PDB file of all heavy atoms in Angstrom:
ATOM      1  N   ALA A   1     -73.191  15.922  43.864  1.00  0.00           N
ATOM      2  CA  ALA A   1     -73.786  14.855  43.085  1.00  0.00           C
ATOM      3  C   ALA A   1     -74.458  15.362  41.812  1.00  0.00           C
ATOM      4  O   ALA A   1     -74.415  14.738  40.774  1.00  0.00           O
ATOM      5  CB  ALA A   1     -74.786  14.065  43.934  1.00  0.00           C
ATOM      6  N   GLN A   2     -75.098  16.507  41.924  1.00  0.00           N
ATOM      7  CA  GLN A   2     -75.803  17.083  40.778  1.00  0.00           C
ATOM      8  C   GLN A   2     -75.089  18.370  40.288  1.00  0.00           C
ATOM      9  O   GLN A   2     -75.712  19.280  39.760  1.00  0.00           O
ATOM     10  CB  GLN A   2     -77.256  17.438  41.162  1.00  0.00           C
ATOM     11  CG  GLN A   2     -78.091  16.189  41.459  1.00  0.00           C
ATOM     12  CD  GLN A   2     -78.338  15.334  40.218  1.00  0.00           C
ATOM     13  OE1 GLN A   2     -78.548  15.855  39.136  1.00  0.00           O
ATOM     14  NE2 GLN A   2     -78.300  14.027  40.398  1.00  0.00           N
ATOM     15  N   GLY A   3     -73.762  18.387  40.463  1.00  0.00           N
ATOM     16  CA  GLY A   3     -73.007  19.578  40.107  1.00  0.00           C
ATOM     17  C   GLY A   3     -73.197  19.952  38.637  1.00  0.00           C
ATOM     18  O   GLY A   3     -73.373  21.135  38.299  1.00  0.00           O
ATOM     19  N   CYS A   4     -73.196  18.964  37.757  1.00  0.00           N
ATOM     20  CA  CYS A   4     -73.315  19.268  36.332  1.00  0.00           C
ATOM     21  C   CYS A   4     -74.709  19.780  35.976  1.00  0.00           C
ATOM     22  O   CYS A   4     -74.883  20.500  35.004  1.00  0.00           O
ATOM     23  CB  CYS A   4     -72.942  18.060  35.500  1.00  0.00           C
ATOM     24  SG  CYS A   4     -74.107  16.678  35.606  1.00  0.00           S
ATOM     25  N   ALA A   5     -75.688  19.440  36.805  1.00  0.00           N
ATOM     26  CA  ALA A   5     -77.072  19.886  36.529  1.00  0.00           C
ATOM     27  C   ALA A   5     -77.176  21.403  36.681  1.00  0.00           C
ATOM     28  O   ALA A   5     -78.062  22.030  36.100  1.00  0.00           O
ATOM     29  CB  ALA A   5     -78.049  19.206  37.475  1.00  0.00           C
ATOM     30  N   LEU A   6     -76.254  22.026  37.428  1.00  0.00           N
ATOM     31  CA  LEU A   6     -76.253  23.452  37.616  1.00  0.00           C
ATOM     32  C   LEU A   6     -75.780  24.210  36.370  1.00  0.00           C
ATOM     33  O   LEU A   6     -75.826  25.441  36.311  1.00  0.00           O
ATOM     34  CB  LEU A   6     -75.357  23.852  38.810  1.00  0.00           C
ATOM     35  CG  LEU A   6     -75.775  23.272  40.163  1.00  0.00           C
ATOM     36  CD1 LEU A   6     -74.726  23.609  41.229  1.00  0.00           C
ATOM     37  CD2 LEU A   6     -77.145  23.795  40.583  1.00  0.00           C
ATOM     38  N   LEU A   7     -75.353  23.455  35.365  1.00  0.00           N
ATOM     39  CA  LEU A   7     -74.812  24.074  34.149  1.00  0.00           C
ATOM     40  C   LEU A   7     -75.915  24.383  33.131  1.00  0.00           C
ATOM     41  O   LEU A   7     -75.628  25.015  32.100  1.00  0.00           O
ATOM     42  CB  LEU A   7     -73.771  23.150  33.495  1.00  0.00           C
ATOM     43  CG  LEU A   7     -72.479  22.946  34.285  1.00  0.00           C
ATOM     44  CD1 LEU A   7     -71.616  21.890  33.569  1.00  0.00           C
ATOM     45  CD2 LEU A   7     -71.696  24.250  34.425  1.00  0.00           C
ATOM     46  N   HIS A   8     -77.120  23.934  33.355  1.00  0.00           N
ATOM     47  CA  HIS A   8     -78.176  24.039  32.336  1.00  0.00           C
ATOM     48  C   HIS A   8     -78.336  25.465  31.810  1.00  0.00           C
ATOM     49  O   HIS A   8     -78.380  25.692  30.592  1.00  0.00           O
ATOM     50  CB  HIS A   8     -79.517  23.489  32.870  1.00  0.00           C
ATOM     51  CG  HIS A   8     -79.622  22.012  32.788  1.00  0.00           C
ATOM     52  ND1 HIS A   8     -80.410  21.373  31.892  1.00  0.00           N
ATOM     53  CD2 HIS A   8     -79.014  21.018  33.513  1.00  0.00           C
ATOM     54  CE1 HIS A   8     -80.285  20.067  32.029  1.00  0.00           C
ATOM     55  NE2 HIS A   8     -79.446  19.846  33.019  1.00  0.00           N
ATOM     56  N   SER A   9     -78.466  26.451  32.700  1.00  0.00           N
ATOM     57  CA  SER A   9     -78.727  27.805  32.265  1.00  0.00           C
ATOM     58  C   SER A   9     -77.569  28.358  31.439  1.00  0.00           C
ATOM     59  O   SER A   9     -77.748  29.075  30.462  1.00  0.00           O
ATOM     60  CB  SER A   9     -79.011  28.716  33.449  1.00  0.00           C
ATOM     61  OG  SER A   9     -77.904  28.775  34.322  1.00  0.00           O
ATOM     62  N   TYR A  10     -76.344  27.975  31.837  1.00  0.00           N
ATOM     63  CA  TYR A  10     -75.161  28.443  31.112  1.00  0.00           C
ATOM     64  C   TYR A  10     -75.113  27.807  29.709  1.00  0.00           C
ATOM     65  O   TYR A  10     -74.807  28.475  28.721  1.00  0.00           O
ATOM     66  CB  TYR A  10     -73.893  28.088  31.881  1.00  0.00           C
ATOM     67  CG  TYR A  10     -73.869  28.689  33.262  1.00  0.00           C
ATOM     68  CD1 TYR A  10     -74.294  27.970  34.376  1.00  0.00           C
ATOM     69  CD2 TYR A  10     -73.440  30.006  33.460  1.00  0.00           C
ATOM     70  CE1 TYR A  10     -74.286  28.527  35.629  1.00  0.00           C
ATOM     71  CE2 TYR A  10     -73.424  30.566  34.727  1.00  0.00           C
ATOM     72  CZ  TYR A  10     -73.845  29.849  35.800  1.00  0.00           C
ATOM     73  OH  TYR A  10     -73.866  30.384  37.070  1.00  0.00           O
ATOM     74  N   LEU A  11     -75.415  26.529  29.635  1.00  0.00           N
ATOM     75  CA  LEU A  11     -75.357  25.856  28.350  1.00  0.00           C
ATOM     76  C   LEU A  11     -76.480  26.312  27.443  1.00  0.00           C
ATOM     77  O   LEU A  11     -76.296  26.358  26.211  1.00  0.00           O
ATOM     78  CB  LEU A  11     -75.428  24.330  28.565  1.00  0.00           C
ATOM     79  CG  LEU A  11     -74.174  23.757  29.260  1.00  0.00           C
ATOM     80  CD1 LEU A  11     -74.371  22.266  29.562  1.00  0.00           C
ATOM     81  CD2 LEU A  11     -72.933  23.949  28.418  1.00  0.00           C
ATOM     82  N   HIS A  12     -77.629  26.666  27.979  1.00  0.00           N
ATOM     83  CA  HIS A  12     -78.704  27.229  27.165  1.00  0.00           C
ATOM     84  C   HIS A  12     -78.225  28.558  26.529  1.00  0.00           C
ATOM     85  O   HIS A  12     -78.508  28.821  25.355  1.00  0.00           O
ATOM     86  CB  HIS A  12     -79.957  27.467  28.008  1.00  0.00           C
ATOM     87  CG  HIS A  12     -80.814  26.257  28.164  1.00  0.00           C
ATOM     88  ND1 HIS A  12     -81.425  25.616  27.078  1.00  0.00           N
ATOM     89  CD2 HIS A  12     -81.174  25.548  29.291  1.00  0.00           C
ATOM     90  CE1 HIS A  12     -82.132  24.594  27.537  1.00  0.00           C
ATOM     91  NE2 HIS A  12     -81.992  24.507  28.848  1.00  0.00           N
ATOM     92  N   ALA A  13     -77.532  29.369  27.309  1.00  0.00           N
ATOM     93  CA  ALA A  13     -77.030  30.641  26.813  1.00  0.00           C
ATOM     94  C   ALA A  13     -75.968  30.403  25.731  1.00  0.00           C
ATOM     95  O   ALA A  13     -75.964  31.087  24.713  1.00  0.00           O
ATOM     96  CB  ALA A  13     -76.443  31.469  27.946  1.00  0.00           C
ATOM     97  N   VAL A  14     -75.087  29.441  25.953  1.00  0.00           N
ATOM     98  CA  VAL A  14     -74.064  29.118  24.956  1.00  0.00           C
ATOM     99  C   VAL A  14     -74.715  28.686  23.650  1.00  0.00           C
ATOM    100  O   VAL A  14     -74.331  29.126  22.565  1.00  0.00           O
ATOM    101  CB  VAL A  14     -73.096  28.035  25.474  1.00  0.00           C
ATOM    102  CG1 VAL A  14     -72.189  27.530  24.367  1.00  0.00           C
ATOM    103  CG2 VAL A  14     -72.269  28.559  26.628  1.00  0.00           C
ATOM    104  N   HIS A  15     -75.716  27.816  23.787  1.00  0.00           N
ATOM    105  CA  HIS A  15     -76.400  27.312  22.573  1.00  0.00           C
ATOM    106  C   HIS A  15     -77.119  28.424  21.819  1.00  0.00           C
ATOM    107  O   HIS A  15     -77.152  28.433  20.606  1.00  0.00           O
ATOM    108  CB  HIS A  15     -77.392  26.209  22.953  1.00  0.00           C
ATOM    109  CG  HIS A  15     -78.137  25.659  21.772  1.00  0.00           C
ATOM    110  ND1 HIS A  15     -77.515  24.864  20.841  1.00  0.00           N
ATOM    111  CD2 HIS A  15     -79.414  25.811  21.370  1.00  0.00           C
ATOM    112  CE1 HIS A  15     -78.401  24.529  19.902  1.00  0.00           C
ATOM    113  NE2 HIS A  15     -79.526  25.101  20.186  1.00  0.00           N
ATOM    114  N   ALA A  16     -77.683  29.389  22.562  1.00  0.00           N
ATOM    115  CA  ALA A  16     -78.419  30.483  21.940  1.00  0.00           C
ATOM    116  C   ALA A  16     -77.506  31.434  21.168  1.00  0.00           C
ATOM    117  O   ALA A  16     -77.878  31.938  20.092  1.00  0.00           O
ATOM    118  CB  ALA A  16     -79.198  31.241  23.005  1.00  0.00           C
ATOM    119  N   TYR A  17     -76.313  31.680  21.701  1.00  0.00           N
ATOM    120  CA  TYR A  17     -75.436  32.681  21.103  1.00  0.00           C
ATOM    121  C   TYR A  17     -74.268  32.104  20.305  1.00  0.00           C
ATOM    122  O   TYR A  17     -73.687  32.800  19.467  1.00  0.00           O
ATOM    123  CB  TYR A  17     -74.896  33.620  22.193  1.00  0.00           C
ATOM    124  CG  TYR A  17     -75.933  34.518  22.767  1.00  0.00           C
ATOM    125  CD1 TYR A  17     -76.671  34.116  23.908  1.00  0.00           C
ATOM    126  CD2 TYR A  17     -76.226  35.767  22.227  1.00  0.00           C
ATOM    127  CE1 TYR A  17     -77.643  34.929  24.457  1.00  0.00           C
ATOM    128  CE2 TYR A  17     -77.192  36.577  22.765  1.00  0.00           C
ATOM    129  CZ  TYR A  17     -77.906  36.160  23.875  1.00  0.00           C
ATOM    130  OH  TYR A  17     -78.878  36.971  24.402  1.00  0.00           O
ATOM    131  N   ALA A  18     -73.922  30.862  20.580  1.00  0.00           N
ATOM    132  CA  ALA A  18     -72.816  30.220  19.875  1.00  0.00           C
ATOM    133  C   ALA A  18     -73.146  28.764  19.597  1.00  0.00           C
ATOM    134  O   ALA A  18     -72.521  27.850  20.163  1.00  0.00           O
ATOM    135  CB  ALA A  18     -71.526  30.353  20.692  1.00  0.00           C
ATOM    136  N   PRO A  19     -74.136  28.512  18.765  1.00  0.00           N
ATOM    137  CA  PRO A  19     -74.697  27.150  18.630  1.00  0.00           C
ATOM    138  C   PRO A  19     -73.753  26.115  18.018  1.00  0.00           C
ATOM    139  O   PRO A  19     -74.011  24.921  18.155  1.00  0.00           O
ATOM    140  CB  PRO A  19     -75.917  27.349  17.732  1.00  0.00           C
ATOM    141  CG  PRO A  19     -75.651  28.619  16.998  1.00  0.00           C
ATOM    142  CD  PRO A  19     -74.881  29.495  17.938  1.00  0.00           C
ATOM    143  N   THR A  20     -72.675  26.545  17.378  1.00  0.00           N
ATOM    144  CA  THR A  20     -71.760  25.571  16.767  1.00  0.00           C
ATOM    145  C   THR A  20     -70.426  25.493  17.494  1.00  0.00           C
ATOM    146  O   THR A  20     -69.556  24.691  17.118  1.00  0.00           O
ATOM    147  CB  THR A  20     -71.498  25.911  15.310  1.00  0.00           C
ATOM    148  OG1 THR A  20     -70.866  27.192  15.199  1.00  0.00           O
ATOM    149  CG2 THR A  20     -72.816  25.939  14.522  1.00  0.00           C
ATOM    150  N   ALA A  21     -70.219  26.289  18.523  1.00  0.00           N
ATOM    151  CA  ALA A  21     -68.948  26.259  19.262  1.00  0.00           C
ATOM    152  C   ALA A  21     -68.862  25.006  20.112  1.00  0.00           C
ATOM    153  O   ALA A  21     -69.844  24.604  20.758  1.00  0.00           O
ATOM    154  CB  ALA A  21     -68.795  27.501  20.124  1.00  0.00           C
ATOM    155  N   PRO A  22     -67.701  24.352  20.185  1.00  0.00           N
ATOM    156  CA  PRO A  22     -67.568  23.149  21.014  1.00  0.00           C
ATOM    157  C   PRO A  22     -67.554  23.477  22.502  1.00  0.00           C
ATOM    158  O   PRO A  22     -67.057  24.519  22.922  1.00  0.00           O
ATOM    159  CB  PRO A  22     -66.218  22.561  20.576  1.00  0.00           C
ATOM    160  CG  PRO A  22     -65.436  23.741  20.074  1.00  0.00           C
ATOM    161  CD  PRO A  22     -66.448  24.672  19.472  1.00  0.00           C
ATOM    162  N   VAL A  23     -68.139  22.551  23.292  1.00  0.00           N
ATOM    163  CA  VAL A  23     -68.189  22.711  24.742  1.00  0.00           C
ATOM    164  C   VAL A  23     -67.518  21.504  25.385  1.00  0.00           C
ATOM    165  O   VAL A  23     -67.841  20.355  25.056  1.00  0.00           O
ATOM    166  CB  VAL A  23     -69.646  22.826  25.251  1.00  0.00           C
ATOM    167  CG1 VAL A  23     -69.675  22.906  26.778  1.00  0.00           C
ATOM    168  CG2 VAL A  23     -70.330  24.030  24.630  1.00  0.00           C
ATOM    169  N   LEU A  24     -66.626  21.780  26.322  1.00  0.00           N
ATOM    170  CA  LEU A  24     -65.905  20.734  27.038  1.00  0.00           C
ATOM    171  C   LEU A  24     -66.377  20.774  28.507  1.00  0.00           C
ATOM    172  O   LEU A  24     -66.397  21.842  29.143  1.00  0.00           O
ATOM    173  CB  LEU A  24     -64.405  20.976  26.947  1.00  0.00           C
ATOM    174  CG  LEU A  24     -63.449  19.899  27.418  1.00  0.00           C
ATOM    175  CD1 LEU A  24     -63.570  18.673  26.523  1.00  0.00           C
ATOM    176  CD2 LEU A  24     -62.014  20.433  27.354  1.00  0.00           C
ATOM    177  N   LEU A  25     -66.786  19.633  29.038  1.00  0.00           N
ATOM    178  CA  LEU A  25     -67.142  19.545  30.457  1.00  0.00           C
ATOM    179  C   LEU A  25     -65.881  19.391  31.299  1.00  0.00           C
ATOM    180  O   LEU A  25     -65.064  18.508  31.027  1.00  0.00           O
ATOM    181  CB  LEU A  25     -68.079  18.372  30.716  1.00  0.00           C
ATOM    182  CG  LEU A  25     -69.498  18.455  30.127  1.00  0.00           C
ATOM    183  CD1 LEU A  25     -70.281  17.206  30.471  1.00  0.00           C
ATOM    184  CD2 LEU A  25     -70.232  19.696  30.606  1.00  0.00           C
ATOM    185  N   VAL A  26     -65.743  20.234  32.314  1.00  0.00           N
ATOM    186  CA  VAL A  26     -64.573  20.178  33.189  1.00  0.00           C
ATOM    187  C   VAL A  26     -65.050  20.097  34.640  1.00  0.00           C
ATOM    188  O   VAL A  26     -65.717  20.995  35.150  1.00  0.00           O
ATOM    189  CB  VAL A  26     -63.668  21.405  33.012  1.00  0.00           C
ATOM    190  CG1 VAL A  26     -62.437  21.300  33.925  1.00  0.00           C
ATOM    191  CG2 VAL A  26     -63.234  21.565  31.557  1.00  0.00           C
ATOM    192  N   GLY A  27     -64.718  18.975  35.310  1.00  0.00           N
ATOM    193  CA  GLY A  27     -65.062  18.786  36.719  1.00  0.00           C
ATOM    194  C   GLY A  27     -63.884  19.146  37.610  1.00  0.00           C
ATOM    195  O   GLY A  27     -62.778  18.675  37.380  1.00  0.00           O
ATOM    196  N   THR A  28     -64.123  19.979  38.629  1.00  0.00           N
ATOM    197  CA  THR A  28     -63.037  20.452  39.501  1.00  0.00           C
ATOM    198  C   THR A  28     -63.095  19.758  40.870  1.00  0.00           C
ATOM    199  O   THR A  28     -64.011  19.007  41.168  1.00  0.00           O
ATOM    200  CB  THR A  28     -63.149  21.974  39.706  1.00  0.00           C
ATOM    201  OG1 THR A  28     -64.416  22.278  40.315  1.00  0.00           O
ATOM    202  CG2 THR A  28     -63.048  22.704  38.360  1.00  0.00           C
ATOM    203  N   HIS A  29     -62.068  20.029  41.690  1.00  0.00           N
ATOM    204  CA  HIS A  29     -61.972  19.517  43.062  1.00  0.00           C
ATOM    205  C   HIS A  29     -61.824  18.005  43.079  1.00  0.00           C
ATOM    206  O   HIS A  29     -62.302  17.316  44.007  1.00  0.00           O
ATOM    207  CB  HIS A  29     -63.190  19.916  43.916  1.00  0.00           C
ATOM    208  CG  HIS A  29     -63.340  21.382  44.072  1.00  0.00           C
ATOM    209  ND1 HIS A  29     -64.009  22.174  43.108  1.00  0.00           N
ATOM    210  CD2 HIS A  29     -62.955  22.261  45.065  1.00  0.00           C
ATOM    211  CE1 HIS A  29     -64.009  23.433  43.510  1.00  0.00           C
ATOM    212  NE2 HIS A  29     -63.374  23.511  44.678  1.00  0.00           N
ATOM    213  N   LEU A  30     -61.149  17.439  42.105  1.00  0.00           N
ATOM    214  CA  LEU A  30     -60.945  16.001  42.038  1.00  0.00           C
ATOM    215  C   LEU A  30     -60.199  15.485  43.274  1.00  0.00           C
ATOM    216  O   LEU A  30     -60.438  14.368  43.722  1.00  0.00           O
ATOM    217  CB  LEU A  30     -60.172  15.614  40.773  1.00  0.00           C
ATOM    218  CG  LEU A  30     -59.876  14.132  40.564  1.00  0.00           C
ATOM    219  CD1 LEU A  30     -61.182  13.335  40.416  1.00  0.00           C
ATOM    220  CD2 LEU A  30     -59.022  13.918  39.314  1.00  0.00           C
ATOM    221  N   ASP A  31     -59.335  16.299  43.838  1.00  0.00           N
ATOM    222  CA  ASP A  31     -58.558  15.907  45.018  1.00  0.00           C
ATOM    223  C   ASP A  31     -59.431  15.627  46.238  1.00  0.00           C
ATOM    224  O   ASP A  31     -59.025  14.956  47.183  1.00  0.00           O
ATOM    225  CB  ASP A  31     -57.539  16.979  45.367  1.00  0.00           C
ATOM    226  CG  ASP A  31     -58.179  18.346  45.591  1.00  0.00           C
ATOM    227  OD1 ASP A  31     -58.611  18.960  44.611  1.00  0.00           O
ATOM    228  OD2 ASP A  31     -58.259  18.782  46.752  1.00  0.00           O
ATOM    229  N   GLN A  32     -60.661  16.162  46.232  1.00  0.00           N
ATOM    230  CA  GLN A  32     -61.601  15.950  47.333  1.00  0.00           C
ATOM    231  C   GLN A  32     -62.607  14.863  47.047  1.00  0.00           C
ATOM    232  O   GLN A  32     -63.602  14.744  47.756  1.00  0.00           O
ATOM    233  CB  GLN A  32     -62.299  17.278  47.654  1.00  0.00           C
ATOM    234  CG  GLN A  32     -61.329  18.379  48.064  1.00  0.00           C
ATOM    235  CD  GLN A  32     -62.022  19.676  48.390  1.00  0.00           C
ATOM    236  OE1 GLN A  32     -63.186  19.700  48.798  1.00  0.00           O
ATOM    237  NE2 GLN A  32     -61.316  20.775  48.226  1.00  0.00           N
ATOM    238  N   GLY A  33     -62.373  14.090  46.028  1.00  0.00           N
ATOM    239  CA  GLY A  33     -63.285  12.989  45.703  1.00  0.00           C
ATOM    240  C   GLY A  33     -64.376  13.450  44.780  1.00  0.00           C
ATOM    241  O   GLY A  33     -64.497  14.639  44.442  1.00  0.00           O
ATOM    242  N   THR A  34     -65.202  12.499  44.354  1.00  0.00           N
ATOM    243  CA  THR A  34     -66.270  12.846  43.421  1.00  0.00           C
ATOM    244  C   THR A  34     -67.564  12.167  43.826  1.00  0.00           C
ATOM    245  O   THR A  34     -67.587  10.982  44.174  1.00  0.00           O
ATOM    246  CB  THR A  34     -65.913  12.448  41.980  1.00  0.00           C
ATOM    247  OG1 THR A  34     -67.022  12.685  41.125  1.00  0.00           O
ATOM    248  CG2 THR A  34     -65.505  10.977  41.882  1.00  0.00           C
ATOM    249  N   GLY A  35     -68.650  12.933  43.757  1.00  0.00           N
ATOM    250  CA  GLY A  35     -69.971  12.374  43.993  1.00  0.00           C
ATOM    251  C   GLY A  35     -70.812  12.486  42.718  1.00  0.00           C
ATOM    252  O   GLY A  35     -72.027  12.499  42.794  1.00  0.00           O
ATOM    253  N   GLU A  36     -70.112  12.572  41.616  1.00  0.00           N
ATOM    254  CA  GLU A  36     -70.778  12.822  40.330  1.00  0.00           C
ATOM    255  C   GLU A  36     -71.777  11.746  39.967  1.00  0.00           C
ATOM    256  O   GLU A  36     -71.518  10.556  40.151  1.00  0.00           O
ATOM    257  CB  GLU A  36     -69.741  12.971  39.220  1.00  0.00           C
ATOM    258  CG  GLU A  36     -70.316  13.320  37.885  1.00  0.00           C
ATOM    259  CD  GLU A  36     -69.225  13.543  36.834  1.00  0.00           C
ATOM    260  OE1 GLU A  36     -68.445  12.613  36.608  1.00  0.00           O
ATOM    261  OE2 GLU A  36     -69.164  14.619  36.277  1.00  0.00           O
ATOM    262  N   ASP A  37     -72.907  12.177  39.427  1.00  0.00           N
ATOM    263  CA  ASP A  37     -73.934  11.274  38.962  1.00  0.00           C
ATOM    264  C   ASP A  37     -73.753  11.064  37.450  1.00  0.00           C
ATOM    265  O   ASP A  37     -73.994  11.966  36.677  1.00  0.00           O
ATOM    266  CB  ASP A  37     -75.312  11.878  39.253  1.00  0.00           C
ATOM    267  CG  ASP A  37     -76.463  10.937  38.895  1.00  0.00           C
ATOM    268  OD1 ASP A  37     -76.235  10.006  38.095  1.00  0.00           O
ATOM    269  OD2 ASP A  37     -77.580  11.164  39.370  1.00  0.00           O
ATOM    270  N   ALA A  38     -73.337   9.866  37.056  1.00  0.00           N
ATOM    271  CA  ALA A  38     -73.048   9.592  35.660  1.00  0.00           C
ATOM    272  C   ALA A  38     -74.298   9.783  34.786  1.00  0.00           C
ATOM    273  O   ALA A  38     -74.214  10.223  33.635  1.00  0.00           O
ATOM    274  CB  ALA A  38     -72.503   8.169  35.487  1.00  0.00           C
ATOM    275  N   ALA A  39     -75.468   9.442  35.331  1.00  0.00           N
ATOM    276  CA  ALA A  39     -76.702   9.598  34.576  1.00  0.00           C
ATOM    277  C   ALA A  39     -76.990  11.047  34.290  1.00  0.00           C
ATOM    278  O   ALA A  39     -77.485  11.416  33.217  1.00  0.00           O
ATOM    279  CB  ALA A  39     -77.859   8.966  35.334  1.00  0.00           C
ATOM    280  N   ALA A  40     -76.682  11.933  35.242  1.00  0.00           N
ATOM    281  CA  ALA A  40     -76.895  13.364  35.059  1.00  0.00           C
ATOM    282  C   ALA A  40     -75.986  13.909  33.975  1.00  0.00           C
ATOM    283  O   ALA A  40     -76.411  14.765  33.165  1.00  0.00           O
ATOM    284  CB  ALA A  40     -76.667  14.114  36.359  1.00  0.00           C
ATOM    285  N   VAL A  41     -74.780  13.432  33.922  1.00  0.00           N
ATOM    286  CA  VAL A  41     -73.831  13.854  32.883  1.00  0.00           C
ATOM    287  C   VAL A  41     -74.337  13.385  31.515  1.00  0.00           C
ATOM    288  O   VAL A  41     -74.321  14.138  30.525  1.00  0.00           O
ATOM    289  CB  VAL A  41     -72.420  13.294  33.138  1.00  0.00           C
ATOM    290  CG1 VAL A  41     -71.482  13.639  31.978  1.00  0.00           C
ATOM    291  CG2 VAL A  41     -71.876  13.842  34.455  1.00  0.00           C
ATOM    292  N   ALA A  42     -74.788  12.131  31.452  1.00  0.00           N
ATOM    293  CA  ALA A  42     -75.306  11.588  30.178  1.00  0.00           C
ATOM    294  C   ALA A  42     -76.516  12.391  29.702  1.00  0.00           C
ATOM    295  O   ALA A  42     -76.648  12.662  28.501  1.00  0.00           O
ATOM    296  CB  ALA A  42     -75.673  10.106  30.361  1.00  0.00           C
ATOM    297  N   ASP A  43     -77.381  12.758  30.629  1.00  0.00           N
ATOM    298  CA  ASP A  43     -78.549  13.563  30.265  1.00  0.00           C
ATOM    299  C   ASP A  43     -78.153  14.936  29.727  1.00  0.00           C
ATOM    300  O   ASP A  43     -78.741  15.437  28.765  1.00  0.00           O
ATOM    301  CB  ASP A  43     -79.466  13.729  31.492  1.00  0.00           C
ATOM    302  CG  ASP A  43     -80.683  14.586  31.182  1.00  0.00           C
ATOM    303  OD1 ASP A  43     -81.553  14.135  30.408  1.00  0.00           O
ATOM    304  OD2 ASP A  43     -80.775  15.700  31.737  1.00  0.00           O
ATOM    305  N   LEU A  44     -77.134  15.521  30.363  1.00  0.00           N
ATOM    306  CA  LEU A  44     -76.655  16.835  29.934  1.00  0.00           C
ATOM    307  C   LEU A  44     -76.109  16.755  28.500  1.00  0.00           C
ATOM    308  O   LEU A  44     -76.394  17.623  27.666  1.00  0.00           O
ATOM    309  CB  LEU A  44     -75.559  17.310  30.890  1.00  0.00           C
ATOM    310  CG  LEU A  44     -75.251  18.795  30.894  1.00  0.00           C
ATOM    311  CD1 LEU A  44     -76.410  19.581  31.464  1.00  0.00           C
ATOM    312  CD2 LEU A  44     -73.997  19.080  31.724  1.00  0.00           C
ATOM    313  N   LYS A  45     -75.367  15.708  28.204  1.00  0.00           N
ATOM    314  CA  LYS A  45     -74.786  15.564  26.859  1.00  0.00           C
ATOM    315  C   LYS A  45     -75.885  15.302  25.821  1.00  0.00           C
ATOM    316  O   LYS A  45     -75.748  15.723  24.663  1.00  0.00           O
ATOM    317  CB  LYS A  45     -73.752  14.437  26.852  1.00  0.00           C
ATOM    318  CG  LYS A  45     -72.543  14.725  27.748  1.00  0.00           C
ATOM    319  CD  LYS A  45     -71.554  13.583  27.745  1.00  0.00           C
ATOM    320  CE  LYS A  45     -70.829  13.503  26.406  1.00  0.00           C
ATOM    321  NZ  LYS A  45     -69.749  12.514  26.445  1.00  0.00           N
TER     322      LYS A  45
END
């Protein structure tokens, strides 16, 4: 459910060293269903 929230530290590092490089969010294990929290994704963006 909060899988994308685990990306914060990685995205902070990306922003620090490559602040203009584009970032694409990729969610895996779609075949096993999704418990993704849309609000968490919106907050991340």
